[in-house]
PDB file of N, CA and C in Angstrom:
ATOM      1  N   MET A   1     -18.693   5.530  16.487  1.00  0.00           N
ATOM      2  CA  MET A   1     -17.275   5.644  16.225  1.00  0.00           C
ATOM      3  C   MET A   1     -16.528   5.579  17.548  1.00  0.00           C
ATOM      4  N   ALA A   2     -15.490   4.771  17.602  1.00  0.00           N
ATOM      5  CA  ALA A   2     -14.670   4.645  18.806  1.00  0.00           C
ATOM      6  C   ALA A   2     -13.259   5.141  18.521  1.00  0.00           C
ATOM      7  N   THR A   3     -12.629   5.647  19.535  1.00  0.00           N
ATOM      8  CA  THR A   3     -11.243   6.065  19.395  1.00  0.00           C
ATOM      9  C   THR A   3     -10.354   4.838  19.365  1.00  0.00           C
ATOM     10  N   GLN A   4      -9.467   4.771  18.400  1.00  0.00           N
ATOM     11  CA  GLN A   4      -8.529   3.660  18.272  1.00  0.00           C
ATOM     12  C   GLN A   4      -7.129   4.168  18.571  1.00  0.00           C
ATOM     13  N   SER A   5      -6.301   3.283  19.061  1.00  0.00           N
ATOM     14  CA  SER A   5      -4.907   3.664  19.275  1.00  0.00           C
ATOM     15  C   SER A   5      -4.010   2.526  18.818  1.00  0.00           C
ATOM     16  N   MET A   6      -2.772   2.850  18.528  1.00  0.00           N
ATOM     17  CA  MET A   6      -1.810   1.847  18.114  1.00  0.00           C
ATOM     18  C   MET A   6      -0.416   2.319  18.471  1.00  0.00           C
ATOM     19  N   LEU A   7       0.482   1.371  18.610  1.00  0.00           N
ATOM     20  CA  LEU A   7       1.877   1.676  18.847  1.00  0.00           C
ATOM     21  C   LEU A   7       2.663   1.331  17.602  1.00  0.00           C
ATOM     22  N   LEU A   8       3.570   2.195  17.205  1.00  0.00           N
ATOM     23  CA  LEU A   8       4.431   1.934  16.064  1.00  0.00           C
ATOM     24  C   LEU A   8       5.789   1.483  16.570  1.00  0.00           C
ATOM     25  N   ASP A   9       6.362   0.510  15.913  1.00  0.00           N
ATOM     26  CA  ASP A   9       7.676   0.008  16.297  1.00  0.00           C
ATOM     27  C   ASP A   9       8.739   0.695  15.453  1.00  0.00           C
ATOM     28  N   PRO A  10       9.517   1.618  16.035  1.00  0.00           N
ATOM     29  CA  PRO A  10      10.529   2.321  15.244  1.00  0.00           C
ATOM     30  C   PRO A  10      11.659   1.393  14.794  1.00  0.00           C
ATOM     31  N   ASN A  11      11.728   0.201  15.356  1.00  0.00           N
ATOM     32  CA  ASN A  11      12.779  -0.746  14.970  1.00  0.00           C
ATOM     33  C   ASN A  11      12.303  -1.737  13.908  1.00  0.00           C
ATOM     34  N   ALA A  12      11.083  -1.545  13.407  1.00  0.00           N
ATOM     35  CA  ALA A  12      10.574  -2.440  12.368  1.00  0.00           C
ATOM     36  C   ALA A  12      11.425  -2.291  11.114  1.00  0.00           C
ATOM     37  N   GLN A  13      11.461  -3.341  10.315  1.00  0.00           N
ATOM     38  CA  GLN A  13      12.247  -3.303   9.087  1.00  0.00           C
ATOM     39  C   GLN A  13      11.714  -2.229   8.156  1.00  0.00           C
ATOM     40  N   SER A  14      12.597  -1.469   7.561  1.00  0.00           N
ATOM     41  CA  SER A  14      12.186  -0.422   6.627  1.00  0.00           C
ATOM     42  C   SER A  14      12.879  -0.649   5.284  1.00  0.00           C
ATOM     43  N   TYR A  15      12.454   0.122   4.288  1.00  0.00           N
ATOM     44  CA  TYR A  15      13.072   0.025   2.973  1.00  0.00           C
ATOM     45  C   TYR A  15      14.496   0.563   3.020  1.00  0.00           C
ATOM     46  N   THR A  16      15.382  -0.042   2.253  1.00  0.00           N
ATOM     47  CA  THR A  16      16.731   0.505   2.100  1.00  0.00           C
ATOM     48  C   THR A  16      16.653   1.636   1.084  1.00  0.00           C
ATOM     49  N   ASP A  17      17.685   2.449   1.018  1.00  0.00           N
ATOM     50  CA  ASP A  17      17.717   3.526   0.027  1.00  0.00           C
ATOM     51  C   ASP A  17      17.564   2.962  -1.381  1.00  0.00           C
ATOM     52  N   ASN A  18      18.236   1.859  -1.684  1.00  0.00           N
ATOM     53  CA  ASN A  18      18.149   1.266  -3.018  1.00  0.00           C
ATOM     54  C   ASN A  18      16.745   0.768  -3.330  1.00  0.00           C
ATOM     55  N   GLN A  19      16.046   0.228  -2.322  1.00  0.00           N
ATOM     56  CA  GLN A  19      14.672  -0.226  -2.547  1.00  0.00           C
ATOM     57  C   GLN A  19      13.761   0.965  -2.855  1.00  0.00           C
ATOM     58  N   ILE A  20      13.970   2.077  -2.164  1.00  0.00           N
ATOM     59  CA  ILE A  20      13.169   3.275  -2.409  1.00  0.00           C
ATOM     60  C   ILE A  20      13.430   3.801  -3.817  1.00  0.00           C
ATOM     61  N   VAL A  21      14.705   3.883  -4.190  1.00  0.00           N
ATOM     62  CA  VAL A  21      15.054   4.354  -5.537  1.00  0.00           C
ATOM     63  C   VAL A  21      14.445   3.433  -6.587  1.00  0.00           C
ATOM     64  N   GLY A  22      14.492   2.135  -6.346  1.00  0.00           N
ATOM     65  CA  GLY A  22      13.898   1.181  -7.281  1.00  0.00           C
ATOM     66  C   GLY A  22      12.408   1.408  -7.445  1.00  0.00           C
ATOM     67  N   LYS A  23      11.707   1.660  -6.349  1.00  0.00           N
ATOM     68  CA  LYS A  23      10.263   1.929  -6.418  1.00  0.00           C
ATOM     69  C   LYS A  23       9.989   3.222  -7.187  1.00  0.00           C
ATOM     70  N   ILE A  24      10.793   4.247  -6.954  1.00  0.00           N
ATOM     71  CA  ILE A  24      10.613   5.513  -7.674  1.00  0.00           C
ATOM     72  C   ILE A  24      10.869   5.316  -9.164  1.00  0.00           C
ATOM     73  N   ASN A  25      11.918   4.582  -9.494  1.00  0.00           N
ATOM     74  CA  ASN A  25      12.261   4.376 -10.905  1.00  0.00           C
ATOM     75  C   ASN A  25      11.203   3.581 -11.653  1.00  0.00           C
ATOM     76  N   THR A  26      10.461   2.728 -10.973  1.00  0.00           N
ATOM     77  CA  THR A  26       9.431   1.935 -11.648  1.00  0.00           C
ATOM     78  C   THR A  26       8.034   2.544 -11.524  1.00  0.00           C
ATOM     79  N   ALA A  27       7.906   3.661 -10.822  1.00  0.00           N
ATOM     80  CA  ALA A  27       6.610   4.310 -10.648  1.00  0.00           C
ATOM     81  C   ALA A  27       6.107   4.879 -11.969  1.00  0.00           C
ATOM     82  N   THR A  28       4.800   4.853 -12.147  1.00  0.00           N
ATOM     83  CA  THR A  28       4.207   5.395 -13.378  1.00  0.00           C
ATOM     84  C   THR A  28       3.505   6.725 -13.144  1.00  0.00           C
ATOM     85  N   ASP A  29       3.249   7.092 -11.897  1.00  0.00           N
ATOM     86  CA  ASP A  29       2.591   8.368 -11.610  1.00  0.00           C
ATOM     87  C   ASP A  29       3.560   9.516 -11.854  1.00  0.00           C
ATOM     88  N   GLN A  30       3.033  10.601 -12.391  1.00  0.00           N
ATOM     89  CA  GLN A  30       3.843  11.778 -12.655  1.00  0.00           C
ATOM     90  C   GLN A  30       4.150  12.486 -11.334  1.00  0.00           C
ATOM     91  N   ILE A  31       5.366  12.932 -11.158  1.00  0.00           N
ATOM     92  CA  ILE A  31       5.754  13.701  -9.976  1.00  0.00           C
ATOM     93  C   ILE A  31       5.460  15.163 -10.270  1.00  0.00           C
ATOM     94  N   THR A  32       4.722  15.821  -9.354  1.00  0.00           N
ATOM     95  CA  THR A  32       4.364  17.229  -9.554  1.00  0.00           C
ATOM     96  C   THR A  32       4.988  18.076  -8.460  1.00  0.00           C
ATOM     97  N   ARG A  33       5.022  19.346  -8.669  1.00  0.00           N
ATOM     98  CA  ARG A  33       5.593  20.279  -7.706  1.00  0.00           C
ATOM     99  C   ARG A  33       4.513  21.241  -7.239  1.00  0.00           C
ATOM    100  N   ALA A  34       4.459  21.497  -5.930  1.00  0.00           N
ATOM    101  CA  ALA A  34       3.448  22.404  -5.369  1.00  0.00           C
ATOM    102  C   ALA A  34       3.552  23.792  -5.979  1.00  0.00           C
ATOM    103  N   SER A  35       4.758  24.243  -6.287  1.00  0.00           N
ATOM    104  CA  SER A  35       4.922  25.595  -6.815  1.00  0.00           C
ATOM    105  C   SER A  35       4.321  25.750  -8.212  1.00  0.00           C
ATOM    106  N   SER A  36       4.024  24.644  -8.885  1.00  0.00           N
ATOM    107  CA  SER A  36       3.431  24.732 -10.212  1.00  0.00           C
ATOM    108  C   SER A  36       1.908  24.821 -10.147  1.00  0.00           C
ATOM    109  N   VAL A  37       1.351  24.806  -8.932  1.00  0.00           N
ATOM    110  CA  VAL A  37      -0.089  24.867  -8.734  1.00  0.00           C
ATOM    111  C   VAL A  37      -0.434  26.219  -8.128  1.00  0.00           C
ATOM    112  N   ALA A  38      -1.519  26.820  -8.582  1.00  0.00           N
ATOM    113  CA  ALA A  38      -1.937  28.120  -8.064  1.00  0.00           C
ATOM    114  C   ALA A  38      -2.151  28.059  -6.556  1.00  0.00           C
ATOM    115  N   VAL A  39      -1.818  29.126  -5.857  1.00  0.00           N
ATOM    116  CA  VAL A  39      -1.955  29.191  -4.399  1.00  0.00           C
ATOM    117  C   VAL A  39      -3.361  28.825  -3.956  1.00  0.00           C
ATOM    118  N   SER A  40      -4.378  29.281  -4.691  1.00  0.00           N
ATOM    119  CA  SER A  40      -5.763  29.015  -4.302  1.00  0.00           C
ATOM    120  C   SER A  40      -6.135  27.538  -4.413  1.00  0.00           C
ATOM    121  N   ALA A  41      -5.323  26.759  -5.119  1.00  0.00           N
ATOM    122  CA  ALA A  41      -5.649  25.348  -5.329  1.00  0.00           C
ATOM    123  C   ALA A  41      -4.794  24.412  -4.485  1.00  0.00           C
ATOM    124  N   ARG A  42      -4.011  24.951  -3.558  1.00  0.00           N
ATOM    125  CA  ARG A  42      -3.166  24.097  -2.728  1.00  0.00           C
ATOM    126  C   ARG A  42      -3.229  24.540  -1.268  1.00  0.00           C
ATOM    127  N   PRO A  43      -2.779  23.663  -0.364  1.00  0.00           N
ATOM    128  CA  PRO A  43      -2.758  24.043   1.062  1.00  0.00           C
ATOM    129  C   PRO A  43      -1.860  25.255   1.306  1.00  0.00           C
ATOM    130  N   ILE A  44      -2.064  25.883   2.428  1.00  0.00           N
ATOM    131  CA  ILE A  44      -1.256  27.042   2.802  1.00  0.00           C
ATOM    132  C   ILE A  44       0.187  26.610   2.985  1.00  0.00           C
ATOM    133  N   ALA A  45       1.097  27.323   2.382  1.00  0.00           N
ATOM    134  CA  ALA A  45       2.524  27.025   2.486  1.00  0.00           C
ATOM    135  C   ALA A  45       3.165  27.954   3.507  1.00  0.00           C
ATOM    136  N   THR A  46       4.371  27.637   3.910  1.00  0.00           N
ATOM    137  CA  THR A  46       5.117  28.444   4.860  1.00  0.00           C
ATOM    138  C   THR A  46       5.216  29.880   4.358  1.00  0.00           C
ATOM    139  N   GLY A  47       4.916  30.813   5.213  1.00  0.00           N
ATOM    140  CA  GLY A  47       5.036  32.219   4.870  1.00  0.00           C
ATOM    141  C   GLY A  47       3.837  32.812   4.159  1.00  0.00           C
ATOM    142  N   GLU A  48       2.793  32.027   3.879  1.00  0.00           N
ATOM    143  CA  GLU A  48       1.628  32.554   3.172  1.00  0.00           C
ATOM    144  C   GLU A  48       0.593  33.175   4.101  1.00  0.00           C
ATOM    145  N   ILE A  49       0.777  33.025   5.397  1.00  0.00           N
ATOM    146  CA  ILE A  49      -0.077  33.721   6.357  1.00  0.00           C
ATOM    147  C   ILE A  49       0.818  34.411   7.371  1.00  0.00           C
ATOM    148  N   SER A  50       0.298  35.446   7.997  1.00  0.00           N
ATOM    149  CA  SER A  50       1.074  36.176   8.994  1.00  0.00           C
ATOM    150  C   SER A  50       0.382  36.067  10.346  1.00  0.00           C
ATOM    151  N   ASN A  51       0.958  36.685  11.355  1.00  0.00           N
ATOM    152  CA  ASN A  51       0.388  36.637  12.702  1.00  0.00           C
ATOM    153  C   ASN A  51      -1.018  37.221  12.767  1.00  0.00           C
ATOM    154  N   THR A  52      -1.372  38.109  11.846  1.00  0.00           N
ATOM    155  CA  THR A  52      -2.713  38.700  11.875  1.00  0.00           C
ATOM    156  C   THR A  52      -3.792  37.685  11.538  1.00  0.00           C
ATOM    157  N   GLU A  53      -3.435  36.617  10.799  1.00  0.00           N
ATOM    158  CA  GLU A  53      -4.413  35.582  10.471  1.00  0.00           C
ATOM    159  C   GLU A  53      -4.481  34.482  11.533  1.00  0.00           C
ATOM    160  N   LEU A  54      -3.545  34.473  12.464  1.00  0.00           N
ATOM    161  CA  LEU A  54      -3.497  33.418  13.471  1.00  0.00           C
ATOM    162  C   LEU A  54      -4.391  33.743  14.661  1.00  0.00           C
ATOM    163  N   ALA A  55      -5.014  32.719  15.244  1.00  0.00           N
ATOM    164  CA  ALA A  55      -5.907  32.909  16.391  1.00  0.00           C
ATOM    165  C   ALA A  55      -5.112  33.077  17.673  1.00  0.00           C
ATOM    166  N   SER A  56      -5.767  33.622  18.701  1.00  0.00           N
ATOM    167  CA  SER A  56      -5.118  33.826  19.997  1.00  0.00           C
ATOM    168  C   SER A  56      -5.092  32.534  20.799  1.00  0.00           C
ATOM    169  N   GLY A  57      -4.403  32.546  21.943  1.00  0.00           N
ATOM    170  CA  GLY A  57      -4.339  31.379  22.824  1.00  0.00           C
ATOM    171  C   GLY A  57      -5.700  30.917  23.299  1.00  0.00           C
ATOM    172  N   SER A  58      -6.644  31.850  23.456  1.00  0.00           N
ATOM    173  CA  SER A  58      -7.981  31.456  23.913  1.00  0.00           C
ATOM    174  C   SER A  58      -8.690  30.605  22.858  1.00  0.00           C
ATOM    175  N   SER A  59      -8.383  30.827  21.603  1.00  0.00           N
ATOM    176  CA  SER A  59      -8.971  29.999  20.547  1.00  0.00           C
ATOM    177  C   SER A  59      -8.502  28.559  20.667  1.00  0.00           C
ATOM    178  N   LYS A  60      -7.228  28.362  21.004  1.00  0.00           N
ATOM    179  CA  LYS A  60      -6.704  27.009  21.192  1.00  0.00           C
ATOM    180  C   LYS A  60      -7.439  26.325  22.339  1.00  0.00           C
ATOM    181  N   ALA A  61      -7.665  27.045  23.428  1.00  0.00           N
ATOM    182  CA  ALA A  61      -8.383  26.466  24.572  1.00  0.00           C
ATOM    183  C   ALA A  61      -9.797  26.049  24.164  1.00  0.00           C
ATOM    184  N   ASN A  62     -10.444  26.884  23.347  1.00  0.00           N
ATOM    185  CA  ASN A  62     -11.784  26.536  22.871  1.00  0.00           C
ATOM    186  C   ASN A  62     -11.755  25.284  21.996  1.00  0.00           C
ATOM    187  N   LEU A  63     -10.747  25.172  21.125  1.00  0.00           N
ATOM    188  CA  LEU A  63     -10.616  23.982  20.281  1.00  0.00           C
ATOM    189  C   LEU A  63     -10.325  22.749  21.124  1.00  0.00           C
ATOM    190  N   ASP A  64      -9.454  22.881  22.112  1.00  0.00           N
ATOM    191  CA  ASP A  64      -9.120  21.750  22.986  1.00  0.00           C
ATOM    192  C   ASP A  64     -10.357  21.218  23.708  1.00  0.00           C
ATOM    193  N   ALA A  65     -11.313  22.090  23.972  1.00  0.00           N
ATOM    194  CA  ALA A  65     -12.523  21.684  24.692  1.00  0.00           C
ATOM    195  C   ALA A  65     -13.516  20.927  23.803  1.00  0.00           C
ATOM    196  N   MET A  66     -13.306  20.953  22.489  1.00  0.00           N
ATOM    197  CA  MET A  66     -14.214  20.264  21.570  1.00  0.00           C
ATOM    198  C   MET A  66     -14.035  18.750  21.647  1.00  0.00           C
ATOM    199  N   ALA A  67     -15.038  18.008  21.177  1.00  0.00           N
ATOM    200  CA  ALA A  67     -14.955  16.546  21.111  1.00  0.00           C
ATOM    201  C   ALA A  67     -13.800  16.148  20.205  1.00  0.00           C
ATOM    202  N   ASP A  68     -13.143  15.045  20.523  1.00  0.00           N
ATOM    203  CA  ASP A  68     -11.968  14.600  19.772  1.00  0.00           C
ATOM    204  C   ASP A  68     -12.219  14.503  18.273  1.00  0.00           C
ATOM    205  N   THR A  69     -13.380  13.985  17.880  1.00  0.00           N
ATOM    206  CA  THR A  69     -13.651  13.783  16.460  1.00  0.00           C
ATOM    207  C   THR A  69     -14.126  15.057  15.753  1.00  0.00           C
ATOM    208  N   ALA A  70     -14.452  16.101  16.502  1.00  0.00           N
ATOM    209  CA  ALA A  70     -14.907  17.352  15.900  1.00  0.00           C
ATOM    210  C   ALA A  70     -13.806  18.401  15.845  1.00  0.00           C
ATOM    211  N   ARG A  71     -12.749  18.194  16.589  1.00  0.00           N
ATOM    212  CA  ARG A  71     -11.708  19.210  16.769  1.00  0.00           C
ATOM    213  C   ARG A  71     -10.956  19.528  15.484  1.00  0.00           C
ATOM    214  N   GLY A  72     -10.596  18.547  14.678  1.00  0.00           N
ATOM    215  CA  GLY A  72      -9.901  18.804  13.420  1.00  0.00           C
ATOM    216  C   GLY A  72      -8.391  18.844  13.529  1.00  0.00           C
ATOM    217  N   TYR A  73      -7.840  18.615  14.682  1.00  0.00           N
ATOM    218  CA  TYR A  73      -6.388  18.488  14.823  1.00  0.00           C
ATOM    219  C   TYR A  73      -6.108  17.496  15.934  1.00  0.00           C
ATOM    220  N   VAL A  74      -4.887  17.001  15.999  1.00  0.00           N
ATOM    221  CA  VAL A  74      -4.511  16.025  17.018  1.00  0.00           C
ATOM    222  C   VAL A  74      -3.975  16.771  18.231  1.00  0.00           C
ATOM    223  N   LYS A  75      -4.600  16.553  19.358  1.00  0.00           N
ATOM    224  CA  LYS A  75      -4.149  17.147  20.612  1.00  0.00           C
ATOM    225  C   LYS A  75      -3.142  16.188  21.232  1.00  0.00           C
ATOM    226  N   THR A  76      -1.991  16.685  21.624  1.00  0.00           N
ATOM    227  CA  THR A  76      -0.958  15.834  22.190  1.00  0.00           C
ATOM    228  C   THR A  76      -0.582  16.338  23.579  1.00  0.00           C
ATOM    229  N   SER A  77      -0.476  15.423  24.518  1.00  0.00           N
ATOM    230  CA  SER A  77      -0.183  15.781  25.910  1.00  0.00           C
ATOM    231  C   SER A  77       0.862  14.831  26.502  1.00  0.00           C
ATOM    232  N   PRO A  78       2.088  14.893  26.005  1.00  0.00           N
ATOM    233  CA  PRO A  78       3.102  13.977  26.519  1.00  0.00           C
ATOM    234  C   PRO A  78       3.504  14.320  27.955  1.00  0.00           C
ATOM    235  N   ILE A  79       3.856  13.289  28.705  1.00  0.00           N
ATOM    236  CA  ILE A  79       4.390  13.501  30.046  1.00  0.00           C
ATOM    237  C   ILE A  79       5.904  13.376  29.959  1.00  0.00           C
ATOM    238  N   ALA A  80       6.588  13.612  31.069  1.00  0.00           N
ATOM    239  CA  ALA A  80       8.054  13.585  31.093  1.00  0.00           C
ATOM    240  C   ALA A  80       8.582  12.300  30.470  1.00  0.00           C
ATOM    241  N   GLY A  81       9.533  12.443  29.550  1.00  0.00           N
ATOM    242  CA  GLY A  81      10.152  11.299  28.896  1.00  0.00           C
ATOM    243  C   GLY A  81       9.453  10.862  27.622  1.00  0.00           C
ATOM    244  N   GLN A  82       8.277  11.433  27.328  1.00  0.00           N
ATOM    245  CA  GLN A  82       7.563  11.113  26.094  1.00  0.00           C
ATOM    246  C   GLN A  82       7.764  12.236  25.071  1.00  0.00           C
ATOM    247  N   PHE A  83       7.343  12.000  23.841  1.00  0.00           N
ATOM    248  CA  PHE A  83       7.595  12.929  22.755  1.00  0.00           C
ATOM    249  C   PHE A  83       6.297  13.525  22.214  1.00  0.00           C
ATOM    250  N   LYS A  84       6.300  14.822  21.916  1.00  0.00           N
ATOM    251  CA  LYS A  84       5.119  15.500  21.382  1.00  0.00           C
ATOM    252  C   LYS A  84       4.927  15.118  19.915  1.00  0.00           C
ATOM    253  N   VAL A  85       3.722  14.659  19.577  1.00  0.00           N
ATOM    254  CA  VAL A  85       3.377  14.331  18.196  1.00  0.00           C
ATOM    255  C   VAL A  85       3.102  15.628  17.451  1.00  0.00           C
ATOM    256  N   ILE A  86       3.679  15.759  16.273  1.00  0.00           N
ATOM    257  CA  ILE A  86       3.505  16.965  15.460  1.00  0.00           C
ATOM    258  C   ILE A  86       2.429  16.750  14.407  1.00  0.00           C
ATOM    259  N   ALA A  87       2.443  15.592  13.756  1.00  0.00           N
ATOM    260  CA  ALA A  87       1.463  15.313  12.696  1.00  0.00           C
ATOM    261  C   ALA A  87       1.252  13.811  12.567  1.00  0.00           C
ATOM    262  N   VAL A  88       0.034  13.442  12.195  1.00  0.00           N
ATOM    263  CA  VAL A  88      -0.319  12.043  11.973  1.00  0.00           C
ATOM    264  C   VAL A  88      -1.153  11.974  10.701  1.00  0.00           C
ATOM    265  N   GLU A  89      -0.843  11.024   9.851  1.00  0.00           N
ATOM    266  CA  GLU A  89      -1.685  10.809   8.682  1.00  0.00           C
ATOM    267  C   GLU A  89      -1.750   9.328   8.365  1.00  0.00           C
ATOM    268  N   ARG A  90      -2.937   8.872   8.002  1.00  0.00           N
ATOM    269  CA  ARG A  90      -3.114   7.479   7.580  1.00  0.00           C
ATOM    270  C   ARG A  90      -3.253   7.503   6.078  1.00  0.00           C
ATOM    271  N   GLN A  91      -2.314   6.854   5.416  1.00  0.00           N
ATOM    272  CA  GLN A  91      -2.298   6.843   3.964  1.00  0.00           C
ATOM    273  C   GLN A  91      -3.341   5.873   3.423  1.00  0.00           C
ATOM    274  N   ALA A  92      -3.661   5.998   2.148  1.00  0.00           N
ATOM    275  CA  ALA A  92      -4.689   5.162   1.527  1.00  0.00           C
ATOM    276  C   ALA A  92      -4.360   3.676   1.619  1.00  0.00           C
ATOM    277  N   ASP A  93      -3.071   3.336   1.676  1.00  0.00           N
ATOM    278  CA  ASP A  93      -2.681   1.922   1.758  1.00  0.00           C
ATOM    279  C   ASP A  93      -2.668   1.398   3.188  1.00  0.00           C
ATOM    280  N   GLY A  94      -3.121   2.228   4.158  1.00  0.00           N
ATOM    281  CA  GLY A  94      -3.222   1.793   5.542  1.00  0.00           C
ATOM    282  C   GLY A  94      -2.005   2.077   6.391  1.00  0.00           C
ATOM    283  N   LYS A  95      -0.926   2.548   5.781  1.00  0.00           N
ATOM    284  CA  LYS A  95       0.279   2.858   6.563  1.00  0.00           C
ATOM    285  C   LYS A  95       0.079   4.167   7.319  1.00  0.00           C
ATOM    286  N   LEU A  96       0.598   4.212   8.536  1.00  0.00           N
ATOM    287  CA  LEU A  96       0.461   5.395   9.374  1.00  0.00           C
ATOM    288  C   LEU A  96       1.788   6.129   9.419  1.00  0.00           C
ATOM    289  N   LYS A  97       1.753   7.398   9.069  1.00  0.00           N
ATOM    290  CA  LYS A  97       2.942   8.240   9.132  1.00  0.00           C
ATOM    291  C   LYS A  97       2.797   9.150  10.341  1.00  0.00           C
ATOM    292  N   VAL A  98       3.794   9.158  11.223  1.00  0.00           N
ATOM    293  CA  VAL A  98       3.778   9.977  12.420  1.00  0.00           C
ATOM    294  C   VAL A  98       5.023  10.835  12.427  1.00  0.00           C
ATOM    295  N   GLU A  99       4.841  12.134  12.623  1.00  0.00           N
ATOM    296  CA  GLU A  99       5.970  13.030  12.800  1.00  0.00           C
ATOM    297  C   GLU A  99       5.940  13.516  14.243  1.00  0.00           C
ATOM    298  N   TYR A 100       7.099  13.541  14.889  1.00  0.00           N
ATOM    299  CA  TYR A 100       7.144  13.942  16.298  1.00  0.00           C
ATOM    300  C   TYR A 100       8.438  14.661  16.610  1.00  0.00           C
ATOM    301  N   ASP A 101       8.399  15.437  17.678  1.00  0.00           N
ATOM    302  CA  ASP A 101       9.576  16.155  18.168  1.00  0.00           C
ATOM    303  C   ASP A 101      10.540  15.117  18.723  1.00  0.00           C
ATOM    304  N   ASP A 102      11.797  15.179  18.350  1.00  0.00           N
ATOM    305  CA  ASP A 102      12.739  14.176  18.823  1.00  0.00           C
ATOM    306  C   ASP A 102      13.368  14.524  20.167  1.00  0.00           C
ATOM    307  N   VAL A 103      12.844  15.563  20.824  1.00  0.00           N
ATOM    308  CA  VAL A 103      13.278  15.939  22.172  1.00  0.00           C
ATOM    309  C   VAL A 103      12.138  15.641  23.120  1.00  0.00           C
ATOM    310  N   ALA A 104      12.388  14.791  24.114  1.00  0.00           N
ATOM    311  CA  ALA A 104      11.341  14.381  25.049  1.00  0.00           C
ATOM    312  C   ALA A 104      10.873  15.545  25.917  1.00  0.00           C
ATOM    313  N   ALA A 105       9.623  15.464  26.357  1.00  0.00           N
ATOM    314  CA  ALA A 105       9.036  16.501  27.224  1.00  0.00           C
ATOM    315  C   ALA A 105       9.700  16.486  28.584  1.00  0.00           C
TER     316      ALA A 105
END
């Protein structure tokens, strides 16, 4: 396994609001709500854990020292003028969704 990287073009053409609404209106999948699913059957939501369940700073250092593919989270190290990545996910259709802080380091 090799590490891959890619650049996303934020100026690429995107769907208009009307195109998105059109796709939603023609969708056949049922829309569900997380609150209708038992807590044990869904990911942890905001406020479901407290500081007592969170690890200390030394735990983060230990995780950072792990191999990239074993770590289980994305480590981000932006330099001045770059933006910290918050989350990355590759959807089943191959599209990459990236969330990032909009304030540069």
